[in-house]
Amino acid sequence: MKSIEELNAVKEKTLARLNGNTVRIVVGMATCGIAAGAKPVFDALKEETEKRGLENVVVSQTGCIGMCKYEPLVDVYVPGHEKVTYVFVSPEKARRIIDEHIVGGQIAEDITVASVE
């Protein structure tokens, strides 16, 4: 960034993207998540959303989600629906989350936190 105007333009673009029907996918990337393999999961989610041209999907990272024994963890926030937490996510499961949940609209129940509790 070379000016405050550039920074404000990025801010406006980001805020516009987050409002409305934007789906958020959040990967737990604290030390526990990273040690369990969260980085390849994050990369797979980013690659799959880009490959499919899913412009209404934002993949981001956060710190500890709070359930370290289930890492890597992925939270999916679809506007108008309850948050879904996926557990023991691998790159293959990440692609499945995109295919079944984000594109197909069906929660992959067998890899959610409810499946292990």
C-alpha atoms as a PDB file:
ATOM      1  CA  MET A   1       0.000   0.000   0.000  1.00  0.00           C
ATOM      2  CA  LYS A   2       1.309   3.378  -0.927  1.00  0.00           C
ATOM      3  CA  SER A   3      -1.556   5.551   0.244  1.00  0.00           C
ATOM      4  CA  ILE A   4      -4.528   5.714   2.555  1.00  0.00           C
ATOM      5  CA  GLU A   5      -6.752   5.703  -0.532  1.00  0.00           C
ATOM      6  CA  GLU A   6      -5.409   2.288  -1.561  1.00  0.00           C
ATOM      7  CA  LEU A   7      -5.998   0.971   1.944  1.00  0.00           C
ATOM      8  CA  ASN A   8      -9.553   2.329   1.966  1.00  0.00           C
ATOM      9  CA  ALA A   9     -10.237   0.750  -1.437  1.00  0.00           C
ATOM     10  CA  VAL A  10      -9.128  -2.664  -0.121  1.00  0.00           C
ATOM     11  CA  LYS A  11     -11.274  -2.156   2.990  1.00  0.00           C
ATOM     12  CA  GLU A  12     -14.365  -1.283   0.944  1.00  0.00           C
ATOM     13  CA  LYS A  13     -13.879  -4.244  -1.382  1.00  0.00           C
ATOM     14  CA  THR A  14     -13.484  -6.628   1.564  1.00  0.00           C
ATOM     15  CA  LEU A  15     -16.518  -5.276   3.411  1.00  0.00           C
ATOM     16  CA  ALA A  16     -18.643  -5.541   0.271  1.00  0.00           C
ATOM     17  CA  ARG A  17     -17.572  -9.147  -0.119  1.00  0.00           C
ATOM     18  CA  LEU A  18     -18.407 -10.033   3.494  1.00  0.00           C
ATOM     19  CA  ASN A  19     -21.905  -8.575   3.415  1.00  0.00           C
ATOM     20  CA  GLY A  20     -24.878 -10.395   2.000  1.00  0.00           C
ATOM     21  CA  ASN A  21     -24.557 -14.014   0.959  1.00  0.00           C
ATOM     22  CA  THR A  22     -20.870 -14.604   1.591  1.00  0.00           C
ATOM     23  CA  VAL A  23     -19.998 -18.062   2.922  1.00  0.00           C
ATOM     24  CA  ARG A  24     -17.109 -18.064   5.383  1.00  0.00           C
ATOM     25  CA  ILE A  25     -14.850 -21.081   5.857  1.00  0.00           C
ATOM     26  CA  VAL A  26     -12.530 -20.700   8.836  1.00  0.00           C
ATOM     27  CA  VAL A  27      -9.606 -23.036   9.528  1.00  0.00           C
ATOM     28  CA  GLY A  28      -8.160 -23.330  13.028  1.00  0.00           C
ATOM     29  CA  MET A  29      -4.485 -22.436  12.618  1.00  0.00           C
ATOM     30  CA  ALA A  30      -3.193 -22.277  16.175  1.00  0.00           C
ATOM     31  CA  THR A  31      -0.151 -24.417  16.976  1.00  0.00           C
ATOM     32  CA  CYS A  32      -2.380 -27.423  17.658  1.00  0.00           C
ATOM     33  CA  GLY A  33      -4.092 -27.095  14.285  1.00  0.00           C
ATOM     34  CA  ILE A  34      -0.872 -26.535  12.390  1.00  0.00           C
ATOM     35  CA  ALA A  35       0.741 -29.544  14.086  1.00  0.00           C
ATOM     36  CA  ALA A  36      -2.249 -31.676  13.095  1.00  0.00           C
ATOM     37  CA  GLY A  37      -2.064 -30.619   9.421  1.00  0.00           C
ATOM     38  CA  ALA A  38      -4.238 -27.510   9.120  1.00  0.00           C
ATOM     39  CA  LYS A  39      -1.982 -25.773   6.568  1.00  0.00           C
ATOM     40  CA  PRO A  40      -2.543 -28.363   3.798  1.00  0.00           C
ATOM     41  CA  VAL A  41      -6.276 -28.245   4.641  1.00  0.00           C
ATOM     42  CA  PHE A  42      -6.305 -24.452   4.317  1.00  0.00           C
ATOM     43  CA  ASP A  43      -4.431 -24.692   1.015  1.00  0.00           C
ATOM     44  CA  ALA A  44      -6.858 -27.323  -0.331  1.00  0.00           C
ATOM     45  CA  LEU A  45      -9.877 -25.179   0.586  1.00  0.00           C
ATOM     46  CA  LYS A  46      -8.357 -22.119  -1.099  1.00  0.00           C
ATOM     47  CA  GLU A  47      -7.379 -24.057  -4.217  1.00  0.00           C
ATOM     48  CA  GLU A  48     -10.782 -25.720  -4.550  1.00  0.00           C
ATOM     49  CA  THR A  49     -12.749 -22.474  -4.154  1.00  0.00           C
ATOM     50  CA  GLU A  50     -10.506 -20.760  -6.697  1.00  0.00           C
ATOM     51  CA  LYS A  51     -10.674 -23.708  -9.121  1.00  0.00           C
ATOM     52  CA  ARG A  52     -14.473 -23.669  -8.971  1.00  0.00           C
ATOM     53  CA  GLY A  53     -14.693 -19.881  -9.198  1.00  0.00           C
ATOM     54  CA  LEU A  54     -16.677 -19.582  -5.953  1.00  0.00           C
ATOM     55  CA  GLU A  55     -16.634 -15.812  -5.569  1.00  0.00           C
ATOM     56  CA  ASN A  56     -19.081 -15.776  -2.644  1.00  0.00           C
ATOM     57  CA  VAL A  57     -16.782 -17.956  -0.490  1.00  0.00           C
ATOM     58  CA  VAL A  58     -14.066 -16.577   1.771  1.00  0.00           C
ATOM     59  CA  VAL A  59     -11.493 -18.972   3.252  1.00  0.00           C
ATOM     60  CA  SER A  60      -9.692 -17.580   6.267  1.00  0.00           C
ATOM     61  CA  GLN A  61      -7.772 -18.703   9.300  1.00  0.00           C
ATOM     62  CA  THR A  62      -8.170 -18.154  13.010  1.00  0.00           C
ATOM     63  CA  GLY A  63      -6.402 -19.173  16.180  1.00  0.00           C
ATOM     64  CA  CYS A  64      -7.608 -21.918  18.460  1.00  0.00           C
ATOM     65  CA  ILE A  65     -11.201 -23.020  17.894  1.00  0.00           C
ATOM     66  CA  GLY A  66     -11.147 -24.765  21.269  1.00  0.00           C
ATOM     67  CA  MET A  67     -11.378 -28.471  20.527  1.00  0.00           C
ATOM     68  CA  CYS A  68      -7.736 -29.421  20.017  1.00  0.00           C
ATOM     69  CA  LYS A  69      -8.340 -33.159  20.147  1.00  0.00           C
ATOM     70  CA  TYR A  70     -10.376 -32.902  16.916  1.00  0.00           C
ATOM     71  CA  GLU A  71      -7.815 -30.935  14.862  1.00  0.00           C
ATOM     72  CA  PRO A  72      -7.643 -29.955  12.083  1.00  0.00           C
ATOM     73  CA  LEU A  73     -10.944 -28.115  12.547  1.00  0.00           C
ATOM     74  CA  VAL A  74     -12.929 -26.193   9.950  1.00  0.00           C
ATOM     75  CA  ASP A  75     -15.934 -23.986  10.723  1.00  0.00           C
ATOM     76  CA  VAL A  76     -18.388 -23.220   7.913  1.00  0.00           C
ATOM     77  CA  TYR A  77     -20.689 -20.204   8.189  1.00  0.00           C
ATOM     78  CA  VAL A  78     -23.480 -20.112   5.604  1.00  0.00           C
ATOM     79  CA  PRO A  79     -25.745 -17.060   5.948  1.00  0.00           C
ATOM     80  CA  GLY A  80     -29.088 -18.031   7.451  1.00  0.00           C
ATOM     81  CA  HIS A  81     -27.824 -21.381   8.783  1.00  0.00           C
ATOM     82  CA  GLU A  82     -26.150 -22.651  11.928  1.00  0.00           C
ATOM     83  CA  LYS A  83     -22.365 -22.858  12.001  1.00  0.00           C
ATOM     84  CA  VAL A  84     -21.043 -26.314  11.092  1.00  0.00           C
ATOM     85  CA  THR A  85     -17.778 -27.577  12.566  1.00  0.00           C
ATOM     86  CA  TYR A  86     -15.869 -30.254  10.676  1.00  0.00           C
ATOM     87  CA  VAL A  87     -13.300 -32.394  12.521  1.00  0.00           C
ATOM     88  CA  PHE A  88     -10.160 -34.355  11.635  1.00  0.00           C
ATOM     89  CA  VAL A  89     -10.175 -32.575   8.276  1.00  0.00           C
ATOM     90  CA  SER A  90      -7.659 -33.695   5.655  1.00  0.00           C
ATOM     91  CA  PRO A  91      -7.115 -32.072   2.249  1.00  0.00           C
ATOM     92  CA  GLU A  92      -9.397 -34.750   0.757  1.00  0.00           C
ATOM     93  CA  LYS A  93     -12.130 -33.997   3.301  1.00  0.00           C
ATOM     94  CA  ALA A  94     -11.647 -30.285   2.634  1.00  0.00           C
ATOM     95  CA  ARG A  95     -12.432 -30.834  -1.040  1.00  0.00           C
ATOM     96  CA  ARG A  96     -15.446 -32.893   0.020  1.00  0.00           C
ATOM     97  CA  ILE A  97     -16.672 -30.007   2.208  1.00  0.00           C
ATOM     98  CA  ILE A  98     -16.527 -27.706  -0.808  1.00  0.00           C
ATOM     99  CA  ASP A  99     -18.251 -30.239  -3.066  1.00  0.00           C
ATOM    100  CA  GLU A 100     -20.992 -31.444  -0.726  1.00  0.00           C
ATOM    101  CA  HIS A 101     -21.627 -28.552   1.649  1.00  0.00           C
ATOM    102  CA  ILE A 102     -20.681 -25.385  -0.206  1.00  0.00           C
ATOM    103  CA  VAL A 103     -21.663 -26.374  -3.756  1.00  0.00           C
ATOM    104  CA  GLY A 104     -24.222 -29.107  -3.037  1.00  0.00           C
ATOM    105  CA  GLY A 105     -25.854 -27.579   0.030  1.00  0.00           C
ATOM    106  CA  GLN A 106     -25.651 -30.830   2.034  1.00  0.00           C
ATOM    107  CA  ILE A 107     -23.696 -31.030   5.284  1.00  0.00           C
ATOM    108  CA  ALA A 108     -21.197 -33.912   5.319  1.00  0.00           C
ATOM    109  CA  GLU A 109     -22.610 -35.187   8.624  1.00  0.00           C
ATOM    110  CA  ASP A 110     -20.104 -38.020   9.068  1.00  0.00           C
ATOM    111  CA  ILE A 111     -17.191 -35.588   9.483  1.00  0.00           C
ATOM    112  CA  THR A 112     -18.848 -32.992  11.718  1.00  0.00           C
ATOM    113  CA  VAL A 113     -18.233 -32.556  15.414  1.00  0.00           C
ATOM    114  CA  ALA A 114     -21.620 -34.220  16.055  1.00  0.00           C
ATOM    115  CA  SER A 115     -20.245 -37.444  14.546  1.00  0.00           C
ATOM    116  CA  VAL A 116     -17.559 -37.768  17.231  1.00  0.00           C
ATOM    117  CA  GLU A 117     -19.385 -36.600  20.342  1.00  0.00           C
END
